[in-house]
N, C-alpha and C. Protein backbone atom coordinates (compact mmCIF):
# COMPACT_ATOMS: atom_id res chain seq x y z
N MET A 1 28.11 15.62 -17.80
CA MET A 1 28.32 14.21 -18.08
C MET A 1 27.68 13.35 -16.98
N ASN A 2 27.88 13.71 -15.72
CA ASN A 2 27.32 12.91 -14.63
C ASN A 2 25.80 12.93 -14.63
N GLU A 3 25.22 14.02 -15.11
CA GLU A 3 23.76 14.09 -15.21
C GLU A 3 23.26 13.08 -16.23
N ALA A 4 23.99 12.94 -17.35
CA ALA A 4 23.62 11.95 -18.36
C ALA A 4 23.75 10.53 -17.81
N ILE A 5 24.76 10.31 -17.00
CA ILE A 5 24.95 9.00 -16.38
C ILE A 5 23.78 8.70 -15.45
N LEU A 6 23.43 9.68 -14.63
CA LEU A 6 22.31 9.49 -13.70
C LEU A 6 21.01 9.27 -14.46
N ASN A 7 20.79 10.02 -15.53
CA ASN A 7 19.57 9.84 -16.34
C ASN A 7 19.49 8.44 -16.92
N THR A 8 20.62 7.90 -17.36
CA THR A 8 20.64 6.54 -17.90
C THR A 8 20.30 5.53 -16.81
N ILE A 9 20.85 5.73 -15.63
CA ILE A 9 20.58 4.82 -14.51
C ILE A 9 19.10 4.88 -14.13
N LEU A 10 18.54 6.10 -14.12
CA LEU A 10 17.15 6.28 -13.68
C LEU A 10 16.12 5.93 -14.75
N GLU A 11 16.57 5.71 -15.97
CA GLU A 11 15.65 5.45 -17.08
C GLU A 11 14.65 4.35 -16.77
N ASN A 12 15.12 3.26 -16.22
CA ASN A 12 14.20 2.17 -15.87
C ASN A 12 14.43 1.69 -14.43
N THR A 13 14.79 2.64 -13.58
CA THR A 13 14.91 2.39 -12.15
C THR A 13 13.81 3.17 -11.47
N TYR A 14 12.99 2.49 -10.68
CA TYR A 14 11.78 3.12 -10.17
C TYR A 14 11.75 3.31 -8.65
N THR A 15 12.48 2.47 -7.93
CA THR A 15 12.39 2.56 -6.47
C THR A 15 13.75 2.88 -5.86
N LEU A 16 13.70 3.38 -4.65
CA LEU A 16 14.91 3.71 -3.92
C LEU A 16 15.77 2.47 -3.70
N SER A 17 15.14 1.36 -3.37
CA SER A 17 15.90 0.12 -3.15
C SER A 17 16.54 -0.38 -4.45
N GLN A 18 15.82 -0.27 -5.58
CA GLN A 18 16.40 -0.64 -6.88
C GLN A 18 17.61 0.25 -7.17
N LEU A 19 17.46 1.53 -6.94
CA LEU A 19 18.53 2.48 -7.23
C LEU A 19 19.78 2.15 -6.41
N LYS A 20 19.62 1.93 -5.13
CA LYS A 20 20.76 1.61 -4.28
C LYS A 20 21.42 0.30 -4.70
N ARG A 21 20.59 -0.70 -4.99
CA ARG A 21 21.09 -2.01 -5.38
C ARG A 21 21.84 -1.93 -6.71
N ARG A 22 21.27 -1.20 -7.67
CA ARG A 22 21.88 -1.10 -8.99
C ARG A 22 23.17 -0.28 -8.96
N LEU A 23 23.18 0.79 -8.19
CA LEU A 23 24.41 1.58 -8.05
C LEU A 23 25.52 0.73 -7.44
N SER A 24 25.16 -0.05 -6.45
CA SER A 24 26.13 -0.93 -5.81
C SER A 24 26.67 -1.96 -6.80
N ALA A 25 25.79 -2.55 -7.59
CA ALA A 25 26.20 -3.55 -8.59
C ALA A 25 27.09 -2.92 -9.66
N LEU A 26 26.73 -1.72 -10.10
CA LEU A 26 27.53 -1.01 -11.12
C LEU A 26 28.90 -0.67 -10.56
N LYS A 27 28.94 -0.16 -9.36
CA LYS A 27 30.22 0.21 -8.73
C LYS A 27 31.09 -1.03 -8.56
N GLN A 28 30.48 -2.11 -8.10
CA GLN A 28 31.22 -3.36 -7.91
C GLN A 28 31.80 -3.85 -9.23
N LEU A 29 31.01 -3.80 -10.29
CA LEU A 29 31.47 -4.22 -11.61
C LEU A 29 32.66 -3.38 -12.08
N LEU A 30 32.53 -2.07 -11.97
CA LEU A 30 33.58 -1.17 -12.44
C LEU A 30 34.85 -1.29 -11.61
N LEU A 31 34.72 -1.38 -10.31
CA LEU A 31 35.91 -1.52 -9.46
C LEU A 31 36.62 -2.84 -9.72
N LYS A 32 35.83 -3.86 -9.99
CA LYS A 32 36.43 -5.17 -10.31
C LYS A 32 37.20 -5.08 -11.62
N GLU A 33 36.62 -4.36 -12.59
CA GLU A 33 37.26 -4.23 -13.90
C GLU A 33 38.52 -3.37 -13.83
N PHE A 34 38.44 -2.23 -13.15
CA PHE A 34 39.57 -1.30 -13.13
C PHE A 34 40.65 -1.67 -12.13
N PHE A 35 40.28 -2.22 -11.00
CA PHE A 35 41.23 -2.45 -9.93
C PHE A 35 41.37 -3.92 -9.55
N LYS A 36 40.73 -4.78 -10.31
CA LYS A 36 40.78 -6.23 -10.05
C LYS A 36 40.48 -6.53 -8.59
N SER A 37 39.43 -5.89 -8.09
CA SER A 37 39.07 -6.07 -6.68
C SER A 37 38.70 -7.52 -6.41
N ASP A 38 38.84 -7.91 -5.16
CA ASP A 38 38.63 -9.30 -4.77
C ASP A 38 37.17 -9.65 -4.53
N SER A 39 36.28 -8.74 -4.75
CA SER A 39 34.87 -8.98 -4.43
C SER A 39 34.34 -10.15 -5.25
N ASN A 40 34.13 -11.25 -4.58
CA ASN A 40 33.59 -12.44 -5.24
C ASN A 40 32.09 -12.53 -5.09
N GLN A 41 31.52 -11.53 -4.46
CA GLN A 41 30.08 -11.52 -4.24
C GLN A 41 29.38 -11.14 -5.55
N PRO A 42 28.69 -12.09 -6.17
CA PRO A 42 28.03 -11.77 -7.44
C PRO A 42 26.81 -10.88 -7.22
N ALA A 43 26.54 -10.06 -8.22
CA ALA A 43 25.34 -9.22 -8.18
C ALA A 43 24.11 -10.12 -8.35
N PRO A 44 22.98 -9.75 -7.74
CA PRO A 44 21.76 -10.53 -7.96
C PRO A 44 21.44 -10.61 -9.45
N ALA A 45 20.79 -11.69 -9.85
CA ALA A 45 20.51 -11.93 -11.28
C ALA A 45 19.76 -10.76 -11.91
N ILE A 46 18.83 -10.18 -11.18
CA ILE A 46 18.05 -9.07 -11.73
C ILE A 46 18.94 -7.86 -12.01
N ASP A 47 19.96 -7.65 -11.17
CA ASP A 47 20.88 -6.54 -11.40
C ASP A 47 21.87 -6.87 -12.52
N THR A 48 22.24 -8.13 -12.63
CA THR A 48 23.11 -8.54 -13.73
C THR A 48 22.42 -8.30 -15.06
N GLU A 49 21.14 -8.61 -15.13
CA GLU A 49 20.36 -8.33 -16.35
C GLU A 49 20.35 -6.84 -16.64
N TRP A 50 20.16 -6.03 -15.61
CA TRP A 50 20.13 -4.58 -15.78
C TRP A 50 21.49 -4.07 -16.28
N LEU A 51 22.58 -4.59 -15.70
CA LEU A 51 23.92 -4.18 -16.14
C LEU A 51 24.14 -4.52 -17.61
N LYS A 52 23.67 -5.69 -18.03
CA LYS A 52 23.82 -6.09 -19.44
C LYS A 52 22.98 -5.22 -20.37
N SER A 53 21.90 -4.64 -19.84
CA SER A 53 21.02 -3.81 -20.67
C SER A 53 21.57 -2.40 -20.89
N LEU A 54 22.59 -2.03 -20.13
CA LEU A 54 23.16 -0.69 -20.28
C LEU A 54 23.88 -0.57 -21.62
N PRO A 55 23.77 0.57 -22.29
CA PRO A 55 24.47 0.75 -23.57
C PRO A 55 25.99 0.65 -23.38
N SER A 56 26.69 0.13 -24.37
CA SER A 56 28.15 -0.02 -24.25
C SER A 56 28.83 1.34 -24.08
N GLU A 57 28.27 2.38 -24.69
CA GLU A 57 28.85 3.72 -24.55
C GLU A 57 28.77 4.20 -23.10
N PHE A 58 27.77 3.73 -22.40
CA PHE A 58 27.58 4.14 -21.01
C PHE A 58 28.78 3.74 -20.16
N LEU A 59 29.19 2.50 -20.27
CA LEU A 59 30.31 2.00 -19.47
C LEU A 59 31.63 2.63 -19.88
N LYS A 60 31.74 3.07 -21.12
CA LYS A 60 32.98 3.70 -21.60
C LYS A 60 33.23 5.07 -20.99
N GLN A 61 32.22 5.63 -20.34
CA GLN A 61 32.38 6.94 -19.69
C GLN A 61 33.20 6.84 -18.41
N PHE A 62 33.36 5.62 -17.91
CA PHE A 62 34.08 5.41 -16.66
C PHE A 62 35.51 4.96 -16.95
N ASN A 63 36.43 5.40 -16.14
CA ASN A 63 37.80 4.89 -16.17
C ASN A 63 38.34 4.89 -14.75
N LYS A 64 39.53 4.32 -14.58
CA LYS A 64 40.04 4.19 -13.21
C LYS A 64 40.35 5.53 -12.56
N ASP A 65 40.50 6.59 -13.37
CA ASP A 65 40.79 7.91 -12.81
C ASP A 65 39.54 8.66 -12.37
N ASN A 66 38.39 8.34 -12.96
CA ASN A 66 37.18 9.13 -12.65
C ASN A 66 36.07 8.35 -11.94
N VAL A 67 36.22 7.06 -11.77
CA VAL A 67 35.12 6.24 -11.26
C VAL A 67 34.67 6.69 -9.87
N TYR A 68 35.60 6.96 -8.98
CA TYR A 68 35.20 7.38 -7.62
C TYR A 68 34.54 8.75 -7.64
N LYS A 69 35.07 9.67 -8.42
CA LYS A 69 34.51 11.02 -8.51
C LYS A 69 33.09 10.97 -9.09
N ILE A 70 32.89 10.18 -10.13
CA ILE A 70 31.55 10.08 -10.74
C ILE A 70 30.55 9.53 -9.72
N PHE A 71 30.93 8.50 -9.00
CA PHE A 71 30.00 7.94 -8.01
C PHE A 71 29.72 8.92 -6.87
N GLU A 72 30.73 9.69 -6.48
CA GLU A 72 30.51 10.74 -5.48
C GLU A 72 29.48 11.74 -5.97
N ASP A 73 29.65 12.18 -7.22
CA ASP A 73 28.72 13.16 -7.81
C ASP A 73 27.31 12.59 -7.93
N ILE A 74 27.21 11.35 -8.38
CA ILE A 74 25.90 10.70 -8.54
C ILE A 74 25.20 10.60 -7.18
N GLU A 75 25.94 10.19 -6.17
CA GLU A 75 25.35 10.06 -4.83
C GLU A 75 24.88 11.40 -4.29
N SER A 76 25.60 12.48 -4.61
CA SER A 76 25.15 13.81 -4.17
C SER A 76 23.92 14.27 -4.95
N GLN A 77 23.80 13.84 -6.21
CA GLN A 77 22.61 14.19 -7.01
C GLN A 77 21.39 13.39 -6.55
N ILE A 78 21.60 12.17 -6.13
CA ILE A 78 20.49 11.30 -5.70
C ILE A 78 19.78 11.91 -4.49
N ILE A 79 20.54 12.52 -3.62
CA ILE A 79 19.95 13.14 -2.42
C ILE A 79 18.92 14.20 -2.81
N LYS A 80 19.11 14.83 -3.95
CA LYS A 80 18.23 15.91 -4.40
C LYS A 80 17.01 15.42 -5.19
N LEU A 81 16.95 14.13 -5.49
CA LEU A 81 15.84 13.60 -6.29
C LEU A 81 14.53 13.64 -5.52
N PRO A 82 13.42 13.89 -6.24
CA PRO A 82 12.12 13.83 -5.56
C PRO A 82 11.76 12.37 -5.25
N ILE A 83 11.47 12.12 -3.99
CA ILE A 83 11.11 10.76 -3.56
C ILE A 83 9.67 10.78 -3.07
N VAL A 84 8.88 9.89 -3.64
CA VAL A 84 7.49 9.73 -3.23
C VAL A 84 7.37 8.38 -2.53
N THR A 85 6.88 8.40 -1.31
CA THR A 85 6.67 7.16 -0.57
C THR A 85 5.28 6.64 -0.92
N ILE A 86 5.22 5.38 -1.33
CA ILE A 86 3.95 4.73 -1.64
C ILE A 86 3.72 3.61 -0.64
N TYR A 87 2.59 3.67 0.04
CA TYR A 87 2.19 2.61 0.95
C TYR A 87 1.21 1.71 0.21
N LEU A 88 1.53 0.42 0.17
CA LEU A 88 0.68 -0.57 -0.50
C LEU A 88 0.28 -1.65 0.49
N THR A 89 -0.76 -2.39 0.13
CA THR A 89 -1.22 -3.49 0.99
C THR A 89 -0.54 -4.82 0.63
N PHE A 90 0.38 -4.77 -0.31
CA PHE A 90 1.07 -5.98 -0.76
C PHE A 90 2.50 -5.62 -1.15
N GLU A 91 3.32 -6.64 -1.30
CA GLU A 91 4.71 -6.45 -1.73
C GLU A 91 4.75 -6.62 -3.25
N PRO A 92 4.96 -5.53 -4.00
CA PRO A 92 4.90 -5.62 -5.46
C PRO A 92 6.12 -6.35 -6.04
N ASP A 93 5.89 -7.08 -7.13
CA ASP A 93 7.00 -7.72 -7.83
C ASP A 93 7.62 -6.72 -8.81
N GLU A 94 8.67 -7.14 -9.50
CA GLU A 94 9.37 -6.24 -10.43
C GLU A 94 8.47 -5.74 -11.55
N ALA A 95 7.59 -6.60 -12.06
CA ALA A 95 6.70 -6.20 -13.15
C ALA A 95 5.73 -5.12 -12.69
N THR A 96 5.20 -5.27 -11.50
CA THR A 96 4.27 -4.27 -10.95
C THR A 96 5.00 -2.96 -10.70
N LEU A 97 6.20 -3.03 -10.14
CA LEU A 97 7.00 -1.82 -9.91
C LEU A 97 7.28 -1.11 -11.23
N SER A 98 7.56 -1.88 -12.25
CA SER A 98 7.83 -1.32 -13.56
C SER A 98 6.60 -0.59 -14.12
N GLN A 99 5.44 -1.21 -13.99
CA GLN A 99 4.20 -0.58 -14.47
C GLN A 99 3.92 0.72 -13.73
N ILE A 100 4.01 0.68 -12.41
CA ILE A 100 3.76 1.88 -11.60
C ILE A 100 4.78 2.96 -11.95
N GLY A 101 6.04 2.57 -12.02
CA GLY A 101 7.11 3.52 -12.29
C GLY A 101 7.02 4.17 -13.65
N GLN A 102 6.75 3.37 -14.68
CA GLN A 102 6.63 3.92 -16.04
C GLN A 102 5.50 4.93 -16.12
N ARG A 103 4.38 4.57 -15.55
CA ARG A 103 3.22 5.46 -15.58
C ARG A 103 3.51 6.78 -14.85
N ALA A 104 4.11 6.67 -13.68
CA ALA A 104 4.40 7.87 -12.88
C ALA A 104 5.44 8.76 -13.55
N LYS A 105 6.45 8.14 -14.15
CA LYS A 105 7.49 8.95 -14.80
C LYS A 105 6.94 9.67 -16.03
N LYS A 106 6.02 9.03 -16.74
CA LYS A 106 5.37 9.70 -17.88
C LYS A 106 4.49 10.85 -17.40
N THR A 107 3.76 10.60 -16.33
CA THR A 107 2.79 11.57 -15.83
C THR A 107 3.44 12.73 -15.08
N PHE A 108 4.42 12.44 -14.24
CA PHE A 108 4.94 13.47 -13.34
C PHE A 108 6.35 13.94 -13.69
N ASN A 109 7.33 13.06 -13.50
CA ASN A 109 8.72 13.50 -13.60
C ASN A 109 9.58 12.28 -13.90
N LYS A 110 10.42 12.37 -14.91
CA LYS A 110 11.23 11.21 -15.28
C LYS A 110 12.31 10.90 -14.24
N LEU A 111 12.57 11.84 -13.33
CA LEU A 111 13.57 11.61 -12.29
C LEU A 111 12.95 11.18 -10.96
N LEU A 112 11.67 10.87 -10.97
CA LEU A 112 10.94 10.49 -9.77
C LEU A 112 11.37 9.11 -9.28
N ILE A 113 11.55 8.98 -7.97
CA ILE A 113 11.90 7.70 -7.35
C ILE A 113 10.87 7.39 -6.26
N PHE A 114 10.50 6.13 -6.17
CA PHE A 114 9.54 5.69 -5.16
C PHE A 114 10.23 4.98 -4.02
N ASP A 115 9.70 5.17 -2.84
CA ASP A 115 10.10 4.38 -1.69
C ASP A 115 8.85 3.57 -1.32
N ILE A 116 8.85 2.30 -1.65
CA ILE A 116 7.68 1.44 -1.46
C ILE A 116 7.68 0.88 -0.04
N LYS A 117 6.55 1.02 0.63
CA LYS A 117 6.40 0.50 1.99
C LYS A 117 5.10 -0.28 2.09
N TYR A 118 5.08 -1.20 3.03
CA TYR A 118 3.92 -2.06 3.25
C TYR A 118 3.06 -1.50 4.38
N ASP A 119 1.75 -1.38 4.15
CA ASP A 119 0.82 -0.93 5.18
C ASP A 119 -0.42 -1.83 5.14
N PRO A 120 -0.51 -2.80 6.04
CA PRO A 120 -1.64 -3.73 6.02
C PRO A 120 -2.97 -3.09 6.42
N ARG A 121 -2.93 -1.88 6.98
CA ARG A 121 -4.16 -1.21 7.41
C ARG A 121 -4.93 -0.60 6.24
N LEU A 122 -4.27 -0.42 5.10
CA LEU A 122 -4.97 0.12 3.93
C LEU A 122 -5.96 -0.90 3.40
N ILE A 123 -7.00 -0.40 2.75
CA ILE A 123 -8.00 -1.29 2.16
C ILE A 123 -8.12 -0.95 0.68
N ALA A 124 -7.74 -1.88 -0.18
CA ALA A 124 -7.94 -1.75 -1.63
C ALA A 124 -7.50 -0.40 -2.17
N GLY A 125 -6.23 -0.13 -2.08
CA GLY A 125 -5.73 1.12 -2.64
C GLY A 125 -4.32 1.39 -2.15
N ALA A 126 -3.94 2.66 -2.21
CA ALA A 126 -2.60 3.06 -1.81
C ALA A 126 -2.66 4.40 -1.08
N ALA A 127 -1.59 4.68 -0.39
CA ALA A 127 -1.41 5.99 0.24
C ALA A 127 -0.07 6.53 -0.25
N LEU A 128 0.01 7.83 -0.42
CA LEU A 128 1.23 8.47 -0.92
C LEU A 128 1.70 9.54 0.04
N VAL A 129 3.01 9.70 0.11
CA VAL A 129 3.61 10.82 0.84
C VAL A 129 4.53 11.52 -0.13
N CYS A 130 4.22 12.79 -0.39
CA CYS A 130 5.04 13.59 -1.29
C CYS A 130 5.28 14.95 -0.63
N LYS A 131 6.54 15.30 -0.52
CA LYS A 131 6.93 16.57 0.12
C LYS A 131 6.32 16.69 1.51
N GLY A 132 6.28 15.58 2.23
CA GLY A 132 5.79 15.59 3.60
C GLY A 132 4.28 15.56 3.76
N VAL A 133 3.54 15.52 2.65
CA VAL A 133 2.08 15.51 2.71
C VAL A 133 1.57 14.08 2.47
N TYR A 134 0.78 13.58 3.42
CA TYR A 134 0.23 12.22 3.35
C TYR A 134 -1.15 12.26 2.72
N ARG A 135 -1.39 11.43 1.71
CA ARG A 135 -2.71 11.31 1.07
C ARG A 135 -3.08 9.83 1.01
N ASP A 136 -4.25 9.52 1.53
CA ASP A 136 -4.74 8.14 1.53
C ASP A 136 -5.77 7.99 0.42
N TYR A 137 -5.43 7.19 -0.59
CA TYR A 137 -6.33 6.96 -1.72
C TYR A 137 -6.95 5.57 -1.66
N SER A 138 -6.96 4.98 -0.48
CA SER A 138 -7.55 3.65 -0.32
C SER A 138 -8.98 3.78 0.18
N LEU A 139 -9.66 2.66 0.24
CA LEU A 139 -11.03 2.65 0.77
C LEU A 139 -11.06 2.96 2.26
N ARG A 140 -9.95 2.75 2.93
CA ARG A 140 -9.90 3.03 4.37
C ARG A 140 -10.29 4.47 4.67
N SER A 141 -9.77 5.40 3.87
CA SER A 141 -10.08 6.82 4.12
C SER A 141 -11.56 7.11 3.86
N LYS A 142 -12.14 6.47 2.86
CA LYS A 142 -13.57 6.66 2.55
C LYS A 142 -14.44 6.07 3.66
N ILE A 143 -14.04 4.91 4.15
CA ILE A 143 -14.79 4.27 5.24
C ILE A 143 -14.71 5.13 6.50
N GLU A 144 -13.54 5.67 6.79
CA GLU A 144 -13.38 6.54 7.96
C GLU A 144 -14.26 7.78 7.85
N GLU A 145 -14.34 8.36 6.64
CA GLU A 145 -15.17 9.55 6.43
C GLU A 145 -16.64 9.26 6.72
N LYS A 146 -17.09 8.08 6.35
CA LYS A 146 -18.51 7.73 6.47
C LYS A 146 -18.76 6.72 7.58
N ARG A 147 -17.89 6.69 8.53
CA ARG A 147 -17.95 5.71 9.61
C ARG A 147 -19.30 5.74 10.35
N LEU A 148 -19.76 6.90 10.74
CA LEU A 148 -21.02 7.01 11.49
C LEU A 148 -22.21 6.53 10.66
N ILE A 149 -22.24 6.90 9.41
CA ILE A 149 -23.33 6.47 8.52
C ILE A 149 -23.33 4.94 8.40
N ILE A 150 -22.15 4.38 8.20
CA ILE A 150 -22.03 2.92 8.07
C ILE A 150 -22.47 2.23 9.36
N LEU A 151 -22.01 2.73 10.50
CA LEU A 151 -22.39 2.13 11.79
C LEU A 151 -23.90 2.22 12.03
N ASN A 152 -24.49 3.37 11.71
CA ASN A 152 -25.94 3.53 11.88
C ASN A 152 -26.71 2.56 10.99
N ASN A 153 -26.24 2.38 9.76
CA ASN A 153 -26.89 1.43 8.85
C ASN A 153 -26.79 -0.01 9.38
N PHE A 154 -25.65 -0.37 9.94
CA PHE A 154 -25.50 -1.70 10.53
C PHE A 154 -26.43 -1.87 11.73
N LYS A 155 -26.53 -0.83 12.54
CA LYS A 155 -27.41 -0.89 13.72
C LYS A 155 -28.86 -1.08 13.29
N LYS A 156 -29.29 -0.36 12.24
CA LYS A 156 -30.66 -0.51 11.72
C LYS A 156 -30.87 -1.93 11.22
N PHE A 157 -29.88 -2.46 10.55
CA PHE A 157 -29.98 -3.80 9.98
C PHE A 157 -30.08 -4.85 11.08
N LEU A 158 -29.35 -4.66 12.16
CA LEU A 158 -29.32 -5.64 13.25
C LEU A 158 -30.57 -5.60 14.12
N LYS A 159 -31.34 -4.51 14.09
CA LYS A 159 -32.56 -4.40 14.92
C LYS A 159 -33.68 -5.21 14.39
């Protein structure tokens, strides 16, 4: 059952920060409903939209007796998820994250989560870290490979 819950959460969740934010919003909503908690802190609008998009059957899986146990199980499953760190030269918006995430989940793994980081040193591209292996797919790596050739060509041009 908890695997189905996690799959529903991950269906359109693409980044580690989205996942943490959405889990927090879901937990806050459920605790408020079951225990009338005093949390007056509203979820961000984007998370409220996500909560409304969840199927009604999804929320019916939770009750006041199992809510803490389910979240414990989900949090232990999240630790095991494959996380790919993507270094970008810009801060992507939700639409861009969605495009990248949908494509990657179709291509690789539907349980894949991204950790998006900013790297201003990259040039027109991205770098990825998967299972501890760093790969630079930007122009920076190509320029570094051909650095001597480029410098020699500039020197010829300047003479």
